[in-house]
PDB file of N, CA and C in Angstrom:
ATOM      1  N   MET A   1      -8.145   2.836 -32.083  1.00  0.00           N
ATOM      2  CA  MET A   1      -6.803   2.800 -32.585  1.00  0.00           C
ATOM      3  C   MET A   1      -5.928   3.840 -31.886  1.00  0.00           C
ATOM      4  N   LYS A   2      -6.516   5.014 -31.632  1.00  0.00           N
ATOM      5  CA  LYS A   2      -5.782   6.072 -30.954  1.00  0.00           C
ATOM      6  C   LYS A   2      -5.388   5.650 -29.545  1.00  0.00           C
ATOM      7  N   LYS A   3      -6.317   4.950 -28.889  1.00  0.00           N
ATOM      8  CA  LYS A   3      -6.058   4.506 -27.522  1.00  0.00           C
ATOM      9  C   LYS A   3      -4.941   3.448 -27.508  1.00  0.00           C
ATOM     10  N   LEU A   4      -4.937   2.558 -28.465  1.00  0.00           N
ATOM     11  CA  LEU A   4      -3.904   1.530 -28.557  1.00  0.00           C
ATOM     12  C   LEU A   4      -2.529   2.163 -28.767  1.00  0.00           C
ATOM     13  N   LEU A   5      -2.465   3.154 -29.638  1.00  0.00           N
ATOM     14  CA  LEU A   5      -1.215   3.857 -29.894  1.00  0.00           C
ATOM     15  C   LEU A   5      -0.721   4.559 -28.629  1.00  0.00           C
ATOM     16  N   SER A   6      -1.620   5.168 -27.901  1.00  0.00           N
ATOM     17  CA  SER A   6      -1.259   5.847 -26.652  1.00  0.00           C
ATOM     18  C   SER A   6      -0.723   4.858 -25.621  1.00  0.00           C
ATOM     19  N   VAL A   7      -1.348   3.698 -25.521  1.00  0.00           N
ATOM     20  CA  VAL A   7      -0.894   2.672 -24.576  1.00  0.00           C
ATOM     21  C   VAL A   7       0.486   2.156 -24.970  1.00  0.00           C
ATOM     22  N   LEU A   8       0.715   1.926 -26.250  1.00  0.00           N
ATOM     23  CA  LEU A   8       2.020   1.457 -26.713  1.00  0.00           C
ATOM     24  C   LEU A   8       3.121   2.483 -26.435  1.00  0.00           C
ATOM     25  N   ILE A   9       2.845   3.727 -26.674  1.00  0.00           N
ATOM     26  CA  ILE A   9       3.832   4.784 -26.408  1.00  0.00           C
ATOM     27  C   ILE A   9       4.121   4.876 -24.908  1.00  0.00           C
ATOM     28  N   ALA A  10       3.085   4.829 -24.093  1.00  0.00           N
ATOM     29  CA  ALA A  10       3.270   4.886 -22.641  1.00  0.00           C
ATOM     30  C   ALA A  10       4.076   3.682 -22.140  1.00  0.00           C
ATOM     31  N   ALA A  11       3.797   2.518 -22.693  1.00  0.00           N
ATOM     32  CA  ALA A  11       4.526   1.316 -22.290  1.00  0.00           C
ATOM     33  C   ALA A  11       5.999   1.414 -22.690  1.00  0.00           C
ATOM     34  N   SER A  12       6.266   1.954 -23.864  1.00  0.00           N
ATOM     35  CA  SER A  12       7.662   2.086 -24.299  1.00  0.00           C
ATOM     36  C   SER A  12       8.405   3.090 -23.422  1.00  0.00           C
ATOM     37  N   PHE A  13       7.780   4.194 -23.056  1.00  0.00           N
ATOM     38  CA  PHE A  13       8.419   5.156 -22.150  1.00  0.00           C
ATOM     39  C   PHE A  13       8.679   4.541 -20.780  1.00  0.00           C
ATOM     40  N   ALA A  14       7.742   3.761 -20.289  1.00  0.00           N
ATOM     41  CA  ALA A  14       7.919   3.114 -18.989  1.00  0.00           C
ATOM     42  C   ALA A  14       9.074   2.125 -19.026  1.00  0.00           C
ATOM     43  N   THR A  15       9.179   1.383 -20.104  1.00  0.00           N
ATOM     44  CA  THR A  15      10.267   0.411 -20.246  1.00  0.00           C
ATOM     45  C   THR A  15      11.616   1.111 -20.295  1.00  0.00           C
ATOM     46  N   VAL A  16      11.716   2.161 -21.071  1.00  0.00           N
ATOM     47  CA  VAL A  16      12.970   2.906 -21.187  1.00  0.00           C
ATOM     48  C   VAL A  16      13.334   3.542 -19.851  1.00  0.00           C
ATOM     49  N   SER A  17      12.363   4.081 -19.153  1.00  0.00           N
ATOM     50  CA  SER A  17      12.632   4.706 -17.858  1.00  0.00           C
ATOM     51  C   SER A  17      13.120   3.680 -16.835  1.00  0.00           C
ATOM     52  N   ALA A  18      12.469   2.538 -16.803  1.00  0.00           N
ATOM     53  CA  ALA A  18      12.874   1.499 -15.857  1.00  0.00           C
ATOM     54  C   ALA A  18      14.276   0.982 -16.180  1.00  0.00           C
ATOM     55  N   ALA A  19      14.583   0.821 -17.445  1.00  0.00           N
ATOM     56  CA  ALA A  19      15.903   0.334 -17.846  1.00  0.00           C
ATOM     57  C   ALA A  19      16.987   1.343 -17.489  1.00  0.00           C
ATOM     58  N   SER A  20      16.731   2.611 -17.736  1.00  0.00           N
ATOM     59  CA  SER A  20      17.741   3.625 -17.419  1.00  0.00           C
ATOM     60  C   SER A  20      17.939   3.750 -15.915  1.00  0.00           C
ATOM     61  N   PHE A  21      16.873   3.620 -15.153  1.00  0.00           N
ATOM     62  CA  PHE A  21      16.974   3.656 -13.690  1.00  0.00           C
ATOM     63  C   PHE A  21      17.811   2.488 -13.193  1.00  0.00           C
ATOM     64  N   ALA A  22      17.584   1.312 -13.740  1.00  0.00           N
ATOM     65  CA  ALA A  22      18.335   0.123 -13.321  1.00  0.00           C
ATOM     66  C   ALA A  22      19.807   0.253 -13.685  1.00  0.00           C
ATOM     67  N   MET A  23      20.104   0.773 -14.854  1.00  0.00           N
ATOM     68  CA  MET A  23      21.501   0.920 -15.268  1.00  0.00           C
ATOM     69  C   MET A  23      22.228   1.955 -14.413  1.00  0.00           C
ATOM     70  N   SER A  24      21.568   3.008 -14.039  1.00  0.00           N
ATOM     71  CA  SER A  24      22.235   4.063 -13.285  1.00  0.00           C
ATOM     72  C   SER A  24      22.443   3.699 -11.821  1.00  0.00           C
ATOM     73  N   HIS A  25      21.683   2.763 -11.305  1.00  0.00           N
ATOM     74  CA  HIS A  25      21.805   2.410  -9.895  1.00  0.00           C
ATOM     75  C   HIS A  25      22.388   1.028  -9.648  1.00  0.00           C
ATOM     76  N   GLY A  26      22.808   0.345 -10.665  1.00  0.00           N
ATOM     77  CA  GLY A  26      23.241  -1.038 -10.478  1.00  0.00           C
ATOM     78  C   GLY A  26      24.726  -1.244 -10.323  1.00  0.00           C
ATOM     79  N   GLY A  27      25.585  -0.305 -10.725  1.00  0.00           N
ATOM     80  CA  GLY A  27      26.989  -0.601 -10.821  1.00  0.00           C
ATOM     81  C   GLY A  27      27.877  -0.165  -9.677  1.00  0.00           C
ATOM     82  N   ALA A  28      27.410   0.660  -8.797  1.00  0.00           N
ATOM     83  CA  ALA A  28      28.275   1.191  -7.748  1.00  0.00           C
ATOM     84  C   ALA A  28      28.572   0.126  -6.687  1.00  0.00           C
ATOM     85  N   PRO A  29      29.858  -0.058  -6.342  1.00  0.00           N
ATOM     86  CA  PRO A  29      30.188  -1.035  -5.300  1.00  0.00           C
ATOM     87  C   PRO A  29      29.750  -0.534  -3.926  1.00  0.00           C
ATOM     88  N   LYS A  30      29.352  -1.435  -3.108  1.00  0.00           N
ATOM     89  CA  LYS A  30      28.907  -1.081  -1.766  1.00  0.00           C
ATOM     90  C   LYS A  30      30.114  -0.971  -0.840  1.00  0.00           C
ATOM     91  N   ASP A  31      29.965  -0.217   0.232  1.00  0.00           N
ATOM     92  CA  ASP A  31      31.063  -0.029   1.181  1.00  0.00           C
ATOM     93  C   ASP A  31      31.496  -1.352   1.802  1.00  0.00           C
ATOM     94  N   ALA A  32      30.547  -2.227   2.090  1.00  0.00           N
ATOM     95  CA  ALA A  32      30.883  -3.516   2.698  1.00  0.00           C
ATOM     96  C   ALA A  32      31.734  -4.351   1.740  1.00  0.00           C
ATOM     97  N   ASP A  33      31.391  -4.312   0.451  1.00  0.00           N
ATOM     98  CA  ASP A  33      32.171  -5.045  -0.546  1.00  0.00           C
ATOM     99  C   ASP A  33      33.575  -4.487  -0.655  1.00  0.00           C
ATOM    100  N   MET A  34      33.691  -3.170  -0.620  1.00  0.00           N
ATOM    101  CA  MET A  34      35.007  -2.539  -0.704  1.00  0.00           C
ATOM    102  C   MET A  34      35.841  -2.880   0.532  1.00  0.00           C
ATOM    103  N   LYS A  35      35.189  -2.929   1.686  1.00  0.00           N
ATOM    104  CA  LYS A  35      35.899  -3.257   2.925  1.00  0.00           C
ATOM    105  C   LYS A  35      36.429  -4.690   2.877  1.00  0.00           C
ATOM    106  N   LYS A  36      35.611  -5.631   2.378  1.00  0.00           N
ATOM    107  CA  LYS A  36      36.051  -7.016   2.246  1.00  0.00           C
ATOM    108  C   LYS A  36      37.229  -7.116   1.293  1.00  0.00           C
ATOM    109  N   MET A  37      37.151  -6.368   0.192  1.00  0.00           N
ATOM    110  CA  MET A  37      38.231  -6.407  -0.781  1.00  0.00           C
ATOM    111  C   MET A  37      39.523  -5.851  -0.185  1.00  0.00           C
ATOM    112  N   GLU A  38      39.419  -4.785   0.593  1.00  0.00           N
ATOM    113  CA  GLU A  38      40.598  -4.209   1.238  1.00  0.00           C
ATOM    114  C   GLU A  38      41.206  -5.188   2.239  1.00  0.00           C
ATOM    115  N   GLU A  39      40.343  -5.897   2.990  1.00  0.00           N
ATOM    116  CA  GLU A  39      40.835  -6.886   3.943  1.00  0.00           C
ATOM    117  C   GLU A  39      41.563  -8.020   3.222  1.00  0.00           C
ATOM    118  N   LYS A  40      41.009  -8.456   2.082  1.00  0.00           N
ATOM    119  CA  LYS A  40      41.661  -9.506   1.310  1.00  0.00           C
ATOM    120  C   LYS A  40      43.002  -9.030   0.758  1.00  0.00           C
ATOM    121  N   MET A  41      43.044  -7.774   0.335  1.00  0.00           N
ATOM    122  CA  MET A  41      44.291  -7.219  -0.185  1.00  0.00           C
ATOM    123  C   MET A  41      45.363  -7.204   0.898  1.00  0.00           C
ATOM    124  N   GLU A  42      44.976  -6.815   2.115  1.00  0.00           N
ATOM    125  CA  GLU A  42      45.932  -6.815   3.226  1.00  0.00           C
ATOM    126  C   GLU A  42      46.424  -8.231   3.509  1.00  0.00           C
ATOM    127  N   ALA A  43      45.510  -9.195   3.476  1.00  0.00           N
ATOM    128  CA  ALA A  43      45.890 -10.592   3.714  1.00  0.00           C
ATOM    129  C   ALA A  43      46.839 -11.075   2.625  1.00  0.00           C
ATOM    130  N   CYS A  44      46.599 -10.643   1.398  1.00  0.00           N
ATOM    131  CA  CYS A  44      47.482 -11.038   0.294  1.00  0.00           C
ATOM    132  C   CYS A  44      48.876 -10.449   0.473  1.00  0.00           C
ATOM    133  N   LYS A  45      48.943  -9.225   0.939  1.00  0.00           N
ATOM    134  CA  LYS A  45      50.239  -8.585   1.136  1.00  0.00           C
ATOM    135  C   LYS A  45      51.029  -9.263   2.250  1.00  0.00           C
ATOM    136  N   LYS A  46      50.326  -9.775   3.265  1.00  0.00           N
ATOM    137  CA  LYS A  46      50.980 -10.387   4.423  1.00  0.00           C
ATOM    138  C   LYS A  46      51.269 -11.870   4.233  1.00  0.00           C
ATOM    139  N   MET A  47      50.726 -12.487   3.187  1.00  0.00           N
ATOM    140  CA  MET A  47      50.839 -13.943   3.039  1.00  0.00           C
ATOM    141  C   MET A  47      52.284 -14.371   2.764  1.00  0.00           C
ATOM    142  N   ASP A  48      52.588 -15.566   3.176  1.00  0.00           N
ATOM    143  CA  ASP A  48      53.883 -16.171   2.908  1.00  0.00           C
ATOM    144  C   ASP A  48      53.737 -17.033   1.659  1.00  0.00           C
ATOM    145  N   ALA A  49      54.476 -16.723   0.630  1.00  0.00           N
ATOM    146  CA  ALA A  49      54.326 -17.396  -0.665  1.00  0.00           C
ATOM    147  C   ALA A  49      54.640 -18.887  -0.597  1.00  0.00           C
ATOM    148  N   LYS A  50      55.439 -19.292   0.364  1.00  0.00           N
ATOM    149  CA  LYS A  50      55.826 -20.703   0.452  1.00  0.00           C
ATOM    150  C   LYS A  50      54.739 -21.570   1.078  1.00  0.00           C
ATOM    151  N   THR A  51      53.922 -20.992   1.964  1.00  0.00           N
ATOM    152  CA  THR A  51      52.924 -21.790   2.677  1.00  0.00           C
ATOM    153  C   THR A  51      51.524 -21.715   2.078  1.00  0.00           C
ATOM    154  N   VAL A  52      51.300 -20.779   1.188  1.00  0.00           N
ATOM    155  CA  VAL A  52      49.964 -20.562   0.622  1.00  0.00           C
ATOM    156  C   VAL A  52      49.738 -21.500  -0.565  1.00  0.00           C
ATOM    157  N   ASP A  53      48.482 -21.973  -0.707  1.00  0.00           N
ATOM    158  CA  ASP A  53      48.156 -22.864  -1.823  1.00  0.00           C
ATOM    159  C   ASP A  53      48.000 -22.073  -3.131  1.00  0.00           C
ATOM    160  N   ASP A  54      47.933 -22.798  -4.222  1.00  0.00           N
ATOM    161  CA  ASP A  54      47.882 -22.178  -5.551  1.00  0.00           C
ATOM    162  C   ASP A  54      46.613 -21.361  -5.775  1.00  0.00           C
ATOM    163  N   LYS A  55      45.508 -21.809  -5.185  1.00  0.00           N
ATOM    164  CA  LYS A  55      44.237 -21.098  -5.363  1.00  0.00           C
ATOM    165  C   LYS A  55      44.326 -19.694  -4.773  1.00  0.00           C
ATOM    166  N   MET A  56      44.879 -19.584  -3.578  1.00  0.00           N
ATOM    167  CA  MET A  56      45.005 -18.285  -2.917  1.00  0.00           C
ATOM    168  C   MET A  56      45.975 -17.390  -3.694  1.00  0.00           C
ATOM    169  N   LYS A  57      47.060 -17.981  -4.196  1.00  0.00           N
ATOM    170  CA  LYS A  57      48.006 -17.198  -4.992  1.00  0.00           C
ATOM    171  C   LYS A  57      47.328 -16.635  -6.233  1.00  0.00           C
ATOM    172  N   ALA A  58      46.518 -17.455  -6.897  1.00  0.00           N
ATOM    173  CA  ALA A  58      45.825 -17.017  -8.107  1.00  0.00           C
ATOM    174  C   ALA A  58      44.830 -15.897  -7.795  1.00  0.00           C
ATOM    175  N   GLU A  59      44.098 -16.037  -6.689  1.00  0.00           N
ATOM    176  CA  GLU A  59      43.141 -14.993  -6.297  1.00  0.00           C
ATOM    177  C   GLU A  59      43.851 -13.683  -6.008  1.00  0.00           C
ATOM    178  N   CYS A  60      44.968 -13.762  -5.286  1.00  0.00           N
ATOM    179  CA  CYS A  60      45.711 -12.552  -4.946  1.00  0.00           C
ATOM    180  C   CYS A  60      46.287 -11.892  -6.198  1.00  0.00           C
ATOM    181  N   LYS A  61      46.792 -12.698  -7.109  1.00  0.00           N
ATOM    182  CA  LYS A  61      47.348 -12.155  -8.346  1.00  0.00           C
ATOM    183  C   LYS A  61      46.263 -11.458  -9.158  1.00  0.00           C
ATOM    184  N   LYS A  62      45.097 -12.081  -9.237  1.00  0.00           N
ATOM    185  CA  LYS A  62      43.979 -11.491  -9.977  1.00  0.00           C
ATOM    186  C   LYS A  62      43.545 -10.174  -9.331  1.00  0.00           C
ATOM    187  N   MET A  63      43.475 -10.169  -7.993  1.00  0.00           N
ATOM    188  CA  MET A  63      43.079  -8.959  -7.281  1.00  0.00           C
ATOM    189  C   MET A  63      44.082  -7.826  -7.500  1.00  0.00           C
ATOM    190  N   MET A  64      45.354  -8.155  -7.454  1.00  0.00           N
ATOM    191  CA  MET A  64      46.398  -7.145  -7.671  1.00  0.00           C
ATOM    192  C   MET A  64      46.318  -6.583  -9.095  1.00  0.00           C
ATOM    193  N   ASP A  65      46.082  -7.458 -10.073  1.00  0.00           N
ATOM    194  CA  ASP A  65      45.958  -7.007 -11.458  1.00  0.00           C
ATOM    195  C   ASP A  65      44.739  -6.120 -11.634  1.00  0.00           C
ATOM    196  N   ASP A  66      43.616  -6.499 -11.006  1.00  0.00           N
ATOM    197  CA  ASP A  66      42.399  -5.684 -11.084  1.00  0.00           C
ATOM    198  C   ASP A  66      42.626  -4.314 -10.457  1.00  0.00           C
ATOM    199  N   LYS A  67      43.321  -4.299  -9.327  1.00  0.00           N
ATOM    200  CA  LYS A  67      43.592  -3.028  -8.642  1.00  0.00           C
ATOM    201  C   LYS A  67      44.474  -2.134  -9.506  1.00  0.00           C
ATOM    202  N   LYS A  68      45.498  -2.715 -10.149  1.00  0.00           N
ATOM    203  CA  LYS A  68      46.357  -1.936 -11.032  1.00  0.00           C
ATOM    204  C   LYS A  68      45.557  -1.361 -12.190  1.00  0.00           C
ATOM    205  N   MET A  69      44.654  -2.178 -12.739  1.00  0.00           N
ATOM    206  CA  MET A  69      43.847  -1.737 -13.866  1.00  0.00           C
ATOM    207  C   MET A  69      42.922  -0.590 -13.439  1.00  0.00           C
ATOM    208  N   MET A  70      42.338  -0.699 -12.255  1.00  0.00           N
ATOM    209  CA  MET A  70      41.451   0.355 -11.764  1.00  0.00           C
ATOM    210  C   MET A  70      42.242   1.631 -11.496  1.00  0.00           C
ATOM    211  N   ASP A  71      43.448   1.500 -10.951  1.00  0.00           N
ATOM    212  CA  ASP A  71      44.271   2.668 -10.678  1.00  0.00           C
ATOM    213  C   ASP A  71      44.691   3.372 -11.956  1.00  0.00           C
ATOM    214  N   GLU A  72      44.928   2.599 -13.011  1.00  0.00           N
ATOM    215  CA  GLU A  72      45.301   3.194 -14.293  1.00  0.00           C
ATOM    216  C   GLU A  72      44.130   3.913 -14.945  1.00  0.00           C
ATOM    217  N   LYS A  73      42.911   3.456 -14.697  1.00  0.00           N
ATOM    218  CA  LYS A  73      41.736   4.076 -15.308  1.00  0.00           C
ATOM    219  C   LYS A  73      41.342   5.365 -14.593  1.00  0.00           C
ATOM    220  N   LYS A  74      41.653   5.513 -13.325  1.00  0.00           N
ATOM    221  CA  LYS A  74      41.232   6.698 -12.575  1.00  0.00           C
ATOM    222  C   LYS A  74      41.753   8.011 -13.156  1.00  0.00           C
ATOM    223  N   PRO A  75      43.040   8.136 -13.501  1.00  0.00           N
ATOM    224  CA  PRO A  75      43.487   9.419 -14.073  1.00  0.00           C
ATOM    225  C   PRO A  75      42.799   9.778 -15.375  1.00  0.00           C
ATOM    226  N   ASP A  76      42.449   8.784 -16.184  1.00  0.00           N
ATOM    227  CA  ASP A  76      41.747   9.054 -17.439  1.00  0.00           C
ATOM    228  C   ASP A  76      40.384   9.683 -17.185  1.00  0.00           C
ATOM    229  N   ALA A  77      39.713   9.231 -16.140  1.00  0.00           N
ATOM    230  CA  ALA A  77      38.400   9.764 -15.825  1.00  0.00           C
ATOM    231  C   ALA A  77      38.518  11.205 -15.349  1.00  0.00           C
ATOM    232  N   MET A  78      39.596  11.538 -14.681  1.00  0.00           N
ATOM    233  CA  MET A  78      39.786  12.902 -14.178  1.00  0.00           C
ATOM    234  C   MET A  78      40.040  13.888 -15.312  1.00  0.00           C
ATOM    235  N   LYS A  79      40.655  13.458 -16.393  1.00  0.00           N
ATOM    236  CA  LYS A  79      40.992  14.334 -17.490  1.00  0.00           C
ATOM    237  C   LYS A  79      39.760  14.829 -18.233  1.00  0.00           C
ATOM    238  N   LYS A  80      38.709  14.010 -18.271  1.00  0.00           N
ATOM    239  CA  LYS A  80      37.511  14.347 -19.057  1.00  0.00           C
ATOM    240  C   LYS A  80      36.718  15.414 -18.417  1.00  0.00           C
TER     241      LYS A  80
END
């Protein structure tokens, strides 16, 4: 019984450790992804609204809104 309890405790610690490791390393954007996003932002800024299709307009609008939201969150993080 003692051995079973020890195995269960060890398994629970391993699970918690693996989960915390995955959470701490999973969210950071990669440089390549950021570079692609910056290139898309530049393309959106240069686009002609009359010649672009609705799908591209929607993507650009969403990207601009996301960027504004991220910019608004940055000062809050600095205050803490």
